[in-house]
Amino acid sequence: MACMNEDGQWIVLMGLLVAVGMFFLALIINQSALVGQTTAEGVLEFSKNDIRDLREAVFDYVNASTTLAPGQCADIQKDIVAISLERKNAVVSFSAGDPQHVSGRWLHPVKIHYNNGVTVYNETVYY
């Protein structure tokens, strides 16, 4: 018994250490994937680009409202609201008031409301 060959024990011990190390690395990689996924979901839920698109459509509506008939303006406003609800699942309302004299220019007060269940955005801007 004193002359036993112990090389096999070292091989088994090193195999065990490698297996534990691989398990630990797999656990870390799994957690980093989850953190990356929740971060990406947070970015996707914030609808900055949707709000920018809505503002652009509303400002185009305000520019066109001076040349269109009142019935056409109402139809365009209904279309913007319906499209944002259908495509973006967002409740949108907006109104453009009569031009007011602001800092030497005539500007329309535009009120915009956007709500998609996660993000609520309200703005009053003179355009």
N, C-alpha and C. Protein backbone atom coordinates (compact mmCIF):
# COMPACT_ATOMS: atom_id res chain seq x y z
N MET A 1 0.81 -1.18 0.00
CA MET A 1 0.00 0.00 0.00
C MET A 1 0.85 1.25 0.00
N ALA A 2 2.01 1.18 0.47
CA ALA A 2 2.86 2.35 0.51
C ALA A 2 3.30 2.77 -0.88
N CYS A 3 3.32 1.88 -1.82
CA CYS A 3 3.79 2.18 -3.17
C CYS A 3 2.64 2.40 -4.15
N MET A 4 1.50 2.93 -3.74
CA MET A 4 0.38 3.15 -4.63
C MET A 4 0.65 4.30 -5.59
N ASN A 5 0.17 4.16 -6.81
CA ASN A 5 0.30 5.21 -7.81
C ASN A 5 -0.87 6.19 -7.62
N GLU A 6 -0.57 7.45 -7.27
CA GLU A 6 -1.61 8.44 -6.96
C GLU A 6 -1.84 9.42 -8.12
N ASP A 7 -1.35 9.15 -9.32
CA ASP A 7 -1.54 10.05 -10.45
C ASP A 7 -3.01 10.14 -10.86
N GLY A 8 -3.76 9.12 -10.73
CA GLY A 8 -5.17 9.11 -11.09
C GLY A 8 -5.99 10.04 -10.21
N GLN A 9 -5.58 10.17 -8.94
CA GLN A 9 -6.30 11.06 -8.04
C GLN A 9 -6.17 12.52 -8.49
N TRP A 10 -4.98 12.91 -8.96
CA TRP A 10 -4.77 14.28 -9.44
C TRP A 10 -5.60 14.56 -10.69
N ILE A 11 -5.72 13.58 -11.53
CA ILE A 11 -6.51 13.75 -12.75
C ILE A 11 -7.98 13.96 -12.40
N VAL A 12 -8.48 13.17 -11.47
CA VAL A 12 -9.88 13.30 -11.04
C VAL A 12 -10.10 14.64 -10.35
N LEU A 13 -9.14 15.06 -9.50
CA LEU A 13 -9.25 16.33 -8.79
C LEU A 13 -9.24 17.51 -9.77
N MET A 14 -8.38 17.49 -10.76
CA MET A 14 -8.33 18.56 -11.76
C MET A 14 -9.61 18.57 -12.60
N GLY A 15 -10.15 17.41 -12.93
CA GLY A 15 -11.41 17.34 -13.65
C GLY A 15 -12.55 17.95 -12.86
N LEU A 16 -12.56 17.71 -11.56
CA LEU A 16 -13.58 18.28 -10.68
C LEU A 16 -13.45 19.80 -10.64
N LEU A 17 -12.22 20.32 -10.54
CA LEU A 17 -12.01 21.77 -10.51
C LEU A 17 -12.43 22.42 -11.82
N VAL A 18 -12.13 21.77 -12.94
CA VAL A 18 -12.54 22.32 -14.24
C VAL A 18 -14.06 22.32 -14.35
N ALA A 19 -14.72 21.26 -13.88
CA ALA A 19 -16.18 21.19 -13.95
C ALA A 19 -16.81 22.29 -13.09
N VAL A 20 -16.28 22.51 -11.88
CA VAL A 20 -16.82 23.57 -11.01
C VAL A 20 -16.59 24.93 -11.66
N GLY A 21 -15.42 25.15 -12.26
CA GLY A 21 -15.13 26.41 -12.94
C GLY A 21 -16.07 26.65 -14.10
N MET A 22 -16.34 25.62 -14.89
CA MET A 22 -17.25 25.76 -16.02
C MET A 22 -18.68 26.06 -15.55
N PHE A 23 -19.09 25.42 -14.45
CA PHE A 23 -20.41 25.69 -13.89
C PHE A 23 -20.51 27.15 -13.44
N PHE A 24 -19.48 27.65 -12.78
CA PHE A 24 -19.45 29.03 -12.31
C PHE A 24 -19.50 30.01 -13.49
N LEU A 25 -18.74 29.77 -14.53
CA LEU A 25 -18.75 30.64 -15.71
C LEU A 25 -20.11 30.60 -16.42
N ALA A 26 -20.71 29.43 -16.49
CA ALA A 26 -22.03 29.32 -17.11
C ALA A 26 -23.06 30.12 -16.32
N LEU A 27 -22.96 30.09 -15.01
CA LEU A 27 -23.87 30.85 -14.16
C LEU A 27 -23.70 32.35 -14.39
N ILE A 28 -22.46 32.82 -14.50
CA ILE A 28 -22.20 34.24 -14.74
C ILE A 28 -22.72 34.66 -16.11
N ILE A 29 -22.49 33.85 -17.13
CA ILE A 29 -22.95 34.19 -18.47
C ILE A 29 -24.47 34.22 -18.52
N ASN A 30 -25.11 33.29 -17.82
CA ASN A 30 -26.58 33.28 -17.78
C ASN A 30 -27.11 34.55 -17.14
N GLN A 31 -26.53 34.98 -16.04
CA GLN A 31 -26.98 36.19 -15.37
C GLN A 31 -26.74 37.43 -16.22
N SER A 32 -25.61 37.48 -16.92
CA SER A 32 -25.34 38.66 -17.76
C SER A 32 -26.33 38.72 -18.91
N ALA A 33 -26.76 37.60 -19.43
CA ALA A 33 -27.75 37.60 -20.50
C ALA A 33 -29.08 38.13 -20.00
N LEU A 34 -29.47 37.76 -18.78
CA LEU A 34 -30.72 38.27 -18.21
C LEU A 34 -30.65 39.76 -17.98
N VAL A 35 -29.54 40.25 -17.46
CA VAL A 35 -29.39 41.69 -17.22
C VAL A 35 -29.43 42.44 -18.55
N GLY A 36 -28.78 41.92 -19.56
CA GLY A 36 -28.82 42.56 -20.88
C GLY A 36 -30.21 42.58 -21.46
N GLN A 37 -30.97 41.53 -21.24
CA GLN A 37 -32.33 41.46 -21.78
C GLN A 37 -33.23 42.49 -21.10
N THR A 38 -33.17 42.60 -19.78
CA THR A 38 -34.03 43.57 -19.10
C THR A 38 -33.63 44.99 -19.43
N THR A 39 -32.35 45.24 -19.67
CA THR A 39 -31.92 46.57 -20.08
C THR A 39 -32.47 46.90 -21.46
N ALA A 40 -32.41 45.95 -22.36
CA ALA A 40 -32.94 46.18 -23.70
C ALA A 40 -34.45 46.38 -23.66
N GLU A 41 -35.15 45.66 -22.80
CA GLU A 41 -36.59 45.84 -22.69
C GLU A 41 -36.92 47.23 -22.17
N GLY A 42 -36.13 47.72 -21.22
CA GLY A 42 -36.34 49.07 -20.70
C GLY A 42 -36.16 50.12 -21.78
N VAL A 43 -35.19 49.93 -22.63
CA VAL A 43 -34.96 50.88 -23.71
C VAL A 43 -36.10 50.81 -24.72
N LEU A 44 -36.59 49.61 -25.03
CA LEU A 44 -37.66 49.47 -25.99
C LEU A 44 -38.98 50.02 -25.48
N GLU A 45 -39.21 49.95 -24.18
CA GLU A 45 -40.46 50.44 -23.62
C GLU A 45 -40.53 51.96 -23.61
N PHE A 46 -39.38 52.63 -23.56
CA PHE A 46 -39.39 54.09 -23.60
C PHE A 46 -39.60 54.53 -25.04
N SER A 47 -40.64 55.25 -25.29
CA SER A 47 -41.09 55.49 -26.65
C SER A 47 -40.70 56.88 -27.14
N LYS A 48 -39.43 57.22 -27.03
CA LYS A 48 -38.97 58.54 -27.45
C LYS A 48 -39.20 58.75 -28.94
N ASN A 49 -38.91 57.75 -29.75
CA ASN A 49 -39.09 57.90 -31.19
C ASN A 49 -40.57 58.00 -31.56
N ASP A 50 -41.42 57.30 -30.84
CA ASP A 50 -42.86 57.41 -31.11
C ASP A 50 -43.35 58.82 -30.81
N ILE A 51 -42.85 59.41 -29.73
CA ILE A 51 -43.26 60.78 -29.38
C ILE A 51 -42.73 61.76 -30.42
N ARG A 52 -41.50 61.55 -30.87
CA ARG A 52 -40.96 62.44 -31.92
C ARG A 52 -41.78 62.33 -33.20
N ASP A 53 -42.16 61.12 -33.58
CA ASP A 53 -42.99 60.94 -34.78
C ASP A 53 -44.34 61.63 -34.62
N LEU A 54 -44.92 61.51 -33.44
CA LEU A 54 -46.21 62.15 -33.17
C LEU A 54 -46.07 63.67 -33.27
N ARG A 55 -45.03 64.23 -32.67
CA ARG A 55 -44.82 65.68 -32.73
C ARG A 55 -44.67 66.14 -34.18
N GLU A 56 -43.93 65.39 -34.97
CA GLU A 56 -43.75 65.76 -36.37
C GLU A 56 -45.09 65.75 -37.11
N ALA A 57 -45.91 64.73 -36.88
CA ALA A 57 -47.22 64.66 -37.53
C ALA A 57 -48.13 65.80 -37.08
N VAL A 58 -48.08 66.14 -35.81
CA VAL A 58 -48.92 67.23 -35.30
C VAL A 58 -48.45 68.56 -35.88
N PHE A 59 -47.16 68.78 -35.96
CA PHE A 59 -46.66 70.04 -36.52
C PHE A 59 -46.97 70.15 -38.01
N ASP A 60 -46.92 69.02 -38.72
CA ASP A 60 -47.34 69.02 -40.12
C ASP A 60 -48.83 69.36 -40.23
N TYR A 61 -49.61 68.84 -39.30
CA TYR A 61 -51.05 69.13 -39.27
C TYR A 61 -51.28 70.63 -39.03
N VAL A 62 -50.53 71.22 -38.11
CA VAL A 62 -50.69 72.65 -37.82
C VAL A 62 -50.32 73.48 -39.04
N ASN A 63 -49.25 73.10 -39.73
CA ASN A 63 -48.86 73.83 -40.95
C ASN A 63 -49.95 73.73 -42.02
N ALA A 64 -50.52 72.55 -42.17
CA ALA A 64 -51.52 72.33 -43.22
C ALA A 64 -52.89 72.89 -42.85
N SER A 65 -53.14 73.10 -41.56
CA SER A 65 -54.48 73.52 -41.14
C SER A 65 -54.84 74.91 -41.64
N THR A 66 -53.85 75.72 -41.99
CA THR A 66 -54.16 77.06 -42.48
C THR A 66 -54.70 77.04 -43.91
N THR A 67 -54.41 75.98 -44.66
CA THR A 67 -54.84 75.91 -46.06
C THR A 67 -55.99 74.94 -46.29
N LEU A 68 -56.34 74.14 -45.29
CA LEU A 68 -57.39 73.12 -45.47
C LEU A 68 -58.72 73.60 -44.93
N ALA A 69 -59.78 72.97 -45.40
CA ALA A 69 -61.12 73.25 -44.89
C ALA A 69 -61.26 72.67 -43.49
N PRO A 70 -62.16 73.24 -42.66
CA PRO A 70 -62.32 72.73 -41.29
C PRO A 70 -62.68 71.25 -41.23
N GLY A 71 -63.48 70.75 -42.16
CA GLY A 71 -63.84 69.33 -42.18
C GLY A 71 -62.64 68.44 -42.45
N GLN A 72 -61.76 68.89 -43.33
CA GLN A 72 -60.55 68.13 -43.63
C GLN A 72 -59.61 68.10 -42.42
N CYS A 73 -59.52 69.21 -41.70
CA CYS A 73 -58.67 69.26 -40.50
C CYS A 73 -59.15 68.26 -39.45
N ALA A 74 -60.48 68.18 -39.28
CA ALA A 74 -61.02 67.23 -38.30
C ALA A 74 -60.73 65.80 -38.71
N ASP A 75 -60.83 65.52 -40.02
CA ASP A 75 -60.54 64.17 -40.51
C ASP A 75 -59.07 63.80 -40.28
N ILE A 76 -58.17 64.74 -40.55
CA ILE A 76 -56.74 64.48 -40.35
C ILE A 76 -56.45 64.24 -38.88
N GLN A 77 -57.06 65.02 -38.02
CA GLN A 77 -56.85 64.85 -36.58
C GLN A 77 -57.36 63.47 -36.13
N LYS A 78 -58.52 63.06 -36.62
CA LYS A 78 -59.04 61.73 -36.28
C LYS A 78 -58.12 60.63 -36.81
N ASP A 79 -57.55 60.83 -37.99
CA ASP A 79 -56.63 59.84 -38.57
C ASP A 79 -55.37 59.69 -37.72
N ILE A 80 -54.80 60.79 -37.27
CA ILE A 80 -53.59 60.73 -36.45
C ILE A 80 -53.87 59.98 -35.15
N VAL A 81 -55.00 60.27 -34.53
CA VAL A 81 -55.36 59.60 -33.28
C VAL A 81 -55.59 58.10 -33.53
N ALA A 82 -56.30 57.76 -34.60
CA ALA A 82 -56.60 56.35 -34.89
C ALA A 82 -55.34 55.58 -35.26
N ILE A 83 -54.45 56.17 -36.04
CA ILE A 83 -53.22 55.48 -36.44
C ILE A 83 -52.31 55.25 -35.24
N SER A 84 -52.20 56.23 -34.35
CA SER A 84 -51.34 56.02 -33.17
C SER A 84 -51.91 54.95 -32.25
N LEU A 85 -53.22 54.85 -32.17
CA LEU A 85 -53.82 53.79 -31.35
C LEU A 85 -53.63 52.43 -31.99
N GLU A 86 -53.78 52.36 -33.31
CA GLU A 86 -53.67 51.08 -34.01
C GLU A 86 -52.23 50.58 -34.08
N ARG A 87 -51.31 51.45 -34.45
CA ARG A 87 -49.92 51.01 -34.68
C ARG A 87 -49.06 51.02 -33.44
N LYS A 88 -49.27 51.98 -32.55
CA LYS A 88 -48.39 52.13 -31.39
C LYS A 88 -49.06 51.79 -30.07
N ASN A 89 -50.36 51.46 -30.11
CA ASN A 89 -51.12 51.19 -28.89
C ASN A 89 -51.01 52.33 -27.90
N ALA A 90 -51.12 53.55 -28.42
CA ALA A 90 -50.99 54.74 -27.59
C ALA A 90 -52.23 55.61 -27.75
N VAL A 91 -52.70 56.12 -26.62
CA VAL A 91 -53.81 57.06 -26.63
C VAL A 91 -53.22 58.45 -26.84
N VAL A 92 -53.66 59.11 -27.89
CA VAL A 92 -53.11 60.41 -28.26
C VAL A 92 -54.25 61.40 -28.39
N SER A 93 -54.01 62.60 -27.90
CA SER A 93 -54.92 63.71 -28.17
C SER A 93 -54.08 64.96 -28.33
N PHE A 94 -54.53 65.83 -29.20
CA PHE A 94 -53.82 67.08 -29.40
C PHE A 94 -54.80 68.14 -29.88
N SER A 95 -54.43 69.39 -29.65
CA SER A 95 -55.24 70.50 -30.11
C SER A 95 -54.32 71.66 -30.45
N ALA A 96 -54.71 72.40 -31.45
CA ALA A 96 -53.97 73.59 -31.86
C ALA A 96 -54.89 74.78 -31.74
N GLY A 97 -54.47 75.76 -30.98
CA GLY A 97 -55.29 76.95 -30.76
C GLY A 97 -55.07 78.00 -31.83
N ASP A 98 -55.78 79.10 -31.67
CA ASP A 98 -55.62 80.22 -32.60
C ASP A 98 -54.25 80.86 -32.40
N PRO A 99 -53.70 81.44 -33.47
CA PRO A 99 -52.37 82.05 -33.34
C PRO A 99 -52.34 83.16 -32.30
N GLN A 100 -51.25 83.20 -31.56
CA GLN A 100 -51.04 84.22 -30.54
C GLN A 100 -49.73 84.93 -30.82
N HIS A 101 -49.66 86.17 -30.39
CA HIS A 101 -48.45 86.96 -30.60
C HIS A 101 -47.46 86.61 -29.49
N VAL A 102 -46.36 85.93 -29.85
CA VAL A 102 -45.34 85.51 -28.90
C VAL A 102 -43.98 85.96 -29.41
N SER A 103 -43.34 86.82 -28.67
CA SER A 103 -41.98 87.29 -28.99
C SER A 103 -41.86 87.82 -30.42
N GLY A 104 -42.83 88.58 -30.82
CA GLY A 104 -42.77 89.20 -32.14
C GLY A 104 -43.21 88.31 -33.28
N ARG A 105 -43.73 87.12 -33.00
CA ARG A 105 -44.18 86.19 -34.04
C ARG A 105 -45.57 85.67 -33.68
N TRP A 106 -46.31 85.27 -34.70
CA TRP A 106 -47.62 84.66 -34.48
C TRP A 106 -47.45 83.15 -34.47
N LEU A 107 -47.72 82.54 -33.32
CA LEU A 107 -47.53 81.10 -33.15
C LEU A 107 -48.80 80.46 -32.61
N HIS A 108 -49.02 79.20 -33.00
CA HIS A 108 -50.17 78.43 -32.52
C HIS A 108 -49.78 77.71 -31.22
N PRO A 109 -50.60 77.82 -30.16
CA PRO A 109 -50.35 76.97 -28.99
C PRO A 109 -50.83 75.54 -29.28
N VAL A 110 -49.93 74.58 -29.18
CA VAL A 110 -50.26 73.20 -29.49
C VAL A 110 -50.11 72.38 -28.22
N LYS A 111 -51.19 71.69 -27.84
CA LYS A 111 -51.17 70.80 -26.67
C LYS A 111 -51.18 69.37 -27.16
N ILE A 112 -50.21 68.58 -26.67
CA ILE A 112 -50.08 67.19 -27.09
C ILE A 112 -50.12 66.31 -25.84
N HIS A 113 -50.92 65.25 -25.91
CA HIS A 113 -50.98 64.24 -24.83
C HIS A 113 -50.72 62.88 -25.46
N TYR A 114 -49.80 62.12 -24.85
CA TYR A 114 -49.43 60.78 -25.33
C TYR A 114 -49.40 59.86 -24.12
N ASN A 115 -50.05 58.69 -24.24
CA ASN A 115 -50.03 57.71 -23.15
C ASN A 115 -50.11 56.32 -23.78
N ASN A 116 -49.06 55.51 -23.56
CA ASN A 116 -49.08 54.14 -24.08
C ASN A 116 -49.15 53.10 -22.96
N GLY A 117 -49.50 53.52 -21.77
CA GLY A 117 -49.62 52.60 -20.65
C GLY A 117 -48.35 52.53 -19.82
N VAL A 118 -47.23 52.87 -20.40
CA VAL A 118 -45.95 52.89 -19.69
C VAL A 118 -45.43 54.31 -19.59
N THR A 119 -45.50 55.03 -20.70
CA THR A 119 -44.99 56.40 -20.77
C THR A 119 -46.15 57.36 -20.95
N VAL A 120 -46.15 58.40 -20.12
CA VAL A 120 -47.14 59.47 -20.25
C VAL A 120 -46.37 60.74 -20.59
N TYR A 121 -46.82 61.42 -21.63
CA TYR A 121 -46.14 62.62 -22.10
C TYR A 121 -47.17 63.70 -22.36
N ASN A 122 -46.98 64.86 -21.75
CA ASN A 122 -47.84 66.02 -21.97
C ASN A 122 -46.94 67.19 -22.34
N GLU A 123 -47.38 67.96 -23.34
CA GLU A 123 -46.57 69.09 -23.78
C GLU A 123 -47.48 70.18 -24.29
N THR A 124 -47.11 71.40 -23.98
CA THR A 124 -47.72 72.58 -24.60
C THR A 124 -46.58 73.36 -25.23
N VAL A 125 -46.65 73.51 -26.54
CA VAL A 125 -45.59 74.17 -27.28
C VAL A 125 -46.22 75.18 -28.22
N TYR A 126 -45.50 76.24 -28.48
CA TYR A 126 -45.96 77.24 -29.44
C TYR A 126 -45.24 77.00 -30.75
N TYR A 127 -46.03 76.72 -31.80
CA TYR A 127 -45.45 76.39 -33.10
C TYR A 127 -46.09 77.24 -34.16
